[in-house]
Amino acid sequence: MTVSATRFMYQELAAQLWASTREREPVEPLSARHPELTLADAYEVQRELRAMEVADGAELVGYKIGVTSEVMQKAFAIDHPDFGHLTDRMLLQDGACLDAARFIAPKVEAEIAFRVGEDLRGGSVTAADVLDATIAVHPVLEVLDSRIADWRIKLVDTVADNTSSALVVVGPEVPFGPAGRVDLAAEHLIFQTGERTQTAYGSAVMGHPAESVAFLARILDTFGEGIGAGDLVLAGSWAEAVDLVPGLAVEASFASLGSVSLTVGESAGGRAGEKAAGA
């Protein structure tokens, strides 16, 4: 396949995912229709999708990291996380009420996000560098929603689909600095989704959430990119994702970092409660 033909394929697949998001209609797995698709190809599709969003007026505000747990990495037969991007349109305020009708097959995860105050770039960024650069952390709930039918995803499918990320409900900012710095690996989470309760520690994310952010900086370097000052970075889920259904109340409570919550409306109309974070 020629370079131009390959680029056309990336653009065509990205356009399908773009349309799926707006029409709430899933597409068949890219991996089934294009078995030759590589991880590098999938990131190119994601890049085209990102360009479409920016051209439509969205602003890039950071990144998200996925597949940080050993269980998920084994499921995808890899030994490293993947990543996607965040835009301002994806960020919602704590307490948001979501309209179930705006999604295809949503799930929710509990995690934390890092706000960095300086650039993190290069192939040698460490977790210590991440902690030194961090000016704040937030408790967050990430809403996942695969545009791939029935969540029949392989790694290339979720990567092309911006790692299946839909929205992020952002909790209150917790200043983070050398004085009184929270031990994020030892931080305890209670993740309440309706009647179900999960508990976890920050060490569930690659031993320490800052390790996943450092990994992100290093892999972005291979694309000639990096984490920029002011970026928000979701560091990976601490517990199992849970299906989002109408009427569900969700809360993630952290021992030192506070809490963040969302609800899902019983019927169409819940969207009125969806306000952009910082609005």
Foldseek 3Di string as FASTA:
>chain_A
DDPVVLLVVLLVVLVVLVVCLVVVAADAFPCVVCVVQDLVSLLSSLVNNVVVVVVVPWAWFAKEKEPQFPVSCVVQVHDAIAMFTDTLVQAFEFAAAAEPVSANWKWKFKFKKFAFAFWQADQPFALVNSLARTFWMWTKMWMFGQSHPPPPDHPSRCSSSRNRTRHMHTHDIDTAHPPPHDQQQAKKKWKDKPPDTDIFGCCSRVHHLSRQLSVVNNVVVVVVDTTGRRHMYTRYGGDDIGTADAQIKIKMQIPPRGIGIYHYHNHPPSCVRTDRPPD
